[in-house]
Amino acid sequence: MTDDHQLRVSKIQNGTVIDHVEAGQALNVLAILGIDGTSGETVSVGMNVPSDRLGRKDIVKVEGRELSQSEVDVLSLIAPAASINIVRDYEVVEKSRVVRPETVSGVVSCPNRNCISNADEPITSGFAVLSDGVRCDYCGAIVREKEIAANLDVS
């Protein structure tokens, strides 16, 4: 038996590698990115992988797609320690850490059914970003990090 603990996942030619995602959040990352297995992207997911920095982590590799800033902003809400690596021709050409924005709008739905943002009004949901979630601009309801993926506004 070998003592080799390296992750052995093939390199991607072009796309995005999302590393240092809190263990157990990879499926939420896929939900945020709208990846459900029917869109045609090739995706590799490593879950509960040993990490010096986090103890355990998830890794998501998406071939043929570079994330937009708005996708990175939403991703930062559930994976505040994540790093984003842009890969072109098998080489990492850009590496950055996610930065949480102060506010997000139009991407998370308020869980309060009585909130005006859930009524038939011409407004966009808006949230102030907290250290461990987001707070609705209209009613003050708080959505914790682990609940954000369940409250994504995919309409």
Protein backbone atom coordinates (compact mmCIF):
# COMPACT_ATOMS: atom_id res chain seq x y z
CA MET A 1 0.00 0.00 0.00
CA THR A 2 1.34 3.41 -0.94
CA ASP A 3 1.34 6.57 1.17
CA ASP A 4 0.50 8.69 -1.86
CA HIS A 5 -2.51 10.90 -1.06
CA GLN A 6 -2.54 12.94 -4.27
CA LEU A 7 -5.81 13.58 -6.03
CA ARG A 8 -5.69 11.92 -9.40
CA VAL A 9 -8.15 13.69 -11.67
CA SER A 10 -7.27 14.36 -15.27
CA LYS A 11 -6.37 17.89 -16.33
CA ILE A 12 -8.87 19.90 -18.33
CA GLN A 13 -7.93 21.53 -21.60
CA ASN A 14 -10.05 24.66 -21.22
CA GLY A 15 -12.43 25.75 -18.48
CA THR A 16 -12.63 26.53 -14.79
CA VAL A 17 -11.42 24.74 -11.68
CA ILE A 18 -13.13 25.76 -8.46
CA ASP A 19 -10.90 24.66 -5.60
CA HIS A 20 -11.05 24.98 -1.80
CA VAL A 21 -14.82 24.60 -1.61
CA GLU A 22 -16.03 23.61 1.87
CA ALA A 23 -16.56 19.83 2.01
CA GLY A 24 -20.14 18.94 1.11
CA GLN A 25 -20.82 22.06 -0.98
CA ALA A 26 -19.85 20.77 -4.45
CA LEU A 27 -23.42 19.88 -5.40
CA ASN A 28 -24.55 23.37 -4.35
CA VAL A 29 -21.80 24.83 -6.54
CA LEU A 30 -23.19 22.85 -9.47
CA ALA A 31 -26.71 24.14 -8.67
CA ILE A 32 -25.47 27.74 -8.60
CA LEU A 33 -23.84 27.24 -11.98
CA GLY A 34 -27.02 25.67 -13.39
CA ILE A 35 -25.26 22.39 -14.09
CA ASP A 36 -27.70 19.52 -13.80
CA GLY A 37 -26.21 16.91 -16.10
CA THR A 38 -28.34 17.86 -19.10
CA SER A 39 -26.44 20.93 -20.30
CA GLY A 40 -23.63 19.01 -22.01
CA GLU A 41 -20.70 20.30 -19.96
CA THR A 42 -18.09 17.80 -18.85
CA VAL A 43 -17.72 18.14 -15.09
CA SER A 44 -15.38 16.48 -12.61
CA VAL A 45 -16.18 16.65 -8.91
CA GLY A 46 -13.96 15.68 -6.00
CA MET A 47 -15.76 15.56 -2.68
CA ASN A 48 -14.37 15.32 0.83
CA VAL A 49 -10.77 15.46 -0.43
CA PRO A 50 -7.97 15.96 2.14
CA SER A 51 -6.81 19.60 2.33
CA ASP A 52 -4.03 21.19 4.35
CA ARG A 53 -5.91 24.50 4.51
CA LEU A 54 -9.49 23.29 5.14
CA GLY A 55 -9.04 19.79 6.54
CA ARG A 56 -11.48 18.48 3.91
CA LYS A 57 -12.61 20.18 0.70
CA ASP A 58 -14.52 19.75 -2.54
CA ILE A 59 -13.19 20.54 -6.02
CA VAL A 60 -15.27 21.20 -9.15
CA LYS A 61 -13.81 21.22 -12.68
CA VAL A 62 -15.99 22.49 -15.51
CA GLU A 63 -14.65 21.99 -19.01
CA GLY A 64 -15.30 24.53 -21.76
CA ARG A 65 -16.69 27.24 -19.49
CA GLU A 66 -15.21 30.27 -17.77
CA LEU A 67 -17.31 31.72 -14.96
CA SER A 68 -18.82 35.19 -15.17
CA GLN A 69 -18.27 37.67 -12.34
CA SER A 70 -21.91 37.33 -11.26
CA GLU A 71 -21.48 33.53 -11.00
CA VAL A 72 -18.33 34.04 -8.91
CA ASP A 73 -20.19 36.53 -6.68
CA VAL A 74 -22.96 34.02 -5.92
CA LEU A 75 -20.43 31.22 -5.53
CA SER A 76 -18.64 33.31 -2.88
CA LEU A 77 -21.77 33.16 -0.73
CA ILE A 78 -21.49 29.39 -0.18
CA ALA A 79 -17.75 28.94 -0.77
CA PRO A 80 -16.01 31.98 0.75
CA ALA A 81 -12.58 30.27 0.76
CA ALA A 82 -12.78 29.09 -2.87
CA SER A 83 -10.18 29.81 -5.50
CA ILE A 84 -11.05 30.10 -9.18
CA ASN A 85 -8.54 28.81 -11.72
CA ILE A 86 -9.05 29.59 -15.41
CA VAL A 87 -7.44 26.94 -17.61
CA ARG A 88 -6.52 27.36 -21.28
CA ASP A 89 -4.59 24.76 -23.25
CA TYR A 90 -4.06 22.69 -20.07
CA GLU A 91 -2.37 25.60 -18.25
CA VAL A 92 -3.70 27.76 -15.42
CA VAL A 93 -3.67 31.27 -16.92
CA GLU A 94 -5.56 33.06 -14.17
CA LYS A 95 -5.95 32.27 -10.49
CA SER A 96 -7.99 34.25 -8.01
CA ARG A 97 -9.81 33.91 -4.74
CA VAL A 98 -13.49 34.69 -4.52
CA VAL A 99 -14.38 38.02 -2.94
CA ARG A 100 -17.77 38.40 -1.35
CA PRO A 101 -19.71 41.37 -2.70
CA GLU A 102 -21.50 43.70 -0.28
CA THR A 103 -24.85 43.04 -1.96
CA VAL A 104 -26.43 40.63 -4.44
CA SER A 105 -29.62 41.10 -6.41
CA GLY A 106 -31.79 38.90 -8.56
CA VAL A 107 -30.01 35.65 -7.70
CA VAL A 108 -31.46 34.55 -4.35
CA SER A 109 -35.14 34.31 -3.48
CA CYS A 110 -36.36 35.41 -0.08
CA PRO A 111 -37.62 32.46 1.99
CA ASN A 112 -40.32 34.66 3.56
CA ARG A 113 -43.46 33.95 1.52
CA ASN A 114 -44.96 37.25 2.73
CA CYS A 115 -42.00 39.33 1.51
CA ILE A 116 -42.86 41.87 -1.18
CA SER A 117 -40.08 40.39 -3.35
CA ASN A 118 -42.22 37.23 -3.61
CA ALA A 119 -45.39 39.12 -4.55
CA ASP A 120 -46.34 39.91 -8.12
CA GLU A 121 -44.49 43.22 -7.99
CA PRO A 122 -41.97 44.56 -10.53
CA ILE A 123 -39.00 44.41 -8.14
CA THR A 124 -35.81 42.40 -8.05
CA SER A 125 -34.78 40.55 -4.91
CA GLY A 126 -31.90 42.18 -3.09
CA PHE A 127 -29.75 41.00 -0.22
CA ALA A 128 -27.01 42.44 1.96
CA VAL A 129 -24.16 39.97 2.30
CA LEU A 130 -23.37 38.93 5.88
CA SER A 131 -20.41 36.94 7.19
CA ASP A 132 -22.49 33.75 7.25
CA GLY A 133 -25.32 34.36 4.78
CA VAL A 134 -27.48 37.13 3.31
CA ARG A 135 -30.25 39.43 4.64
CA CYS A 136 -33.26 40.45 2.52
CA ASP A 137 -33.34 44.17 1.74
CA TYR A 138 -37.15 44.21 1.96
CA CYS A 139 -38.15 42.14 5.00
CA GLY A 140 -34.89 41.38 6.79
CA ALA A 141 -35.16 37.60 6.49
CA ILE A 142 -31.79 35.89 6.73
CA VAL A 143 -30.65 33.05 4.49
CA ARG A 144 -27.66 31.15 5.91
CA GLU A 145 -24.80 29.92 3.69
CA LYS A 146 -26.00 26.31 3.76
CA GLU A 147 -29.51 27.38 2.63
CA ILE A 148 -28.52 29.72 -0.22
CA ALA A 149 -28.43 27.04 -2.94
CA ALA A 150 -31.99 26.00 -2.01
CA ASN A 151 -33.13 29.62 -2.41
CA LEU A 152 -31.55 30.38 -5.78
CA ASP A 153 -33.75 32.39 -8.08
CA VAL A 154 -33.56 30.36 -11.30
CA SER A 155 -36.63 31.92 -12.89
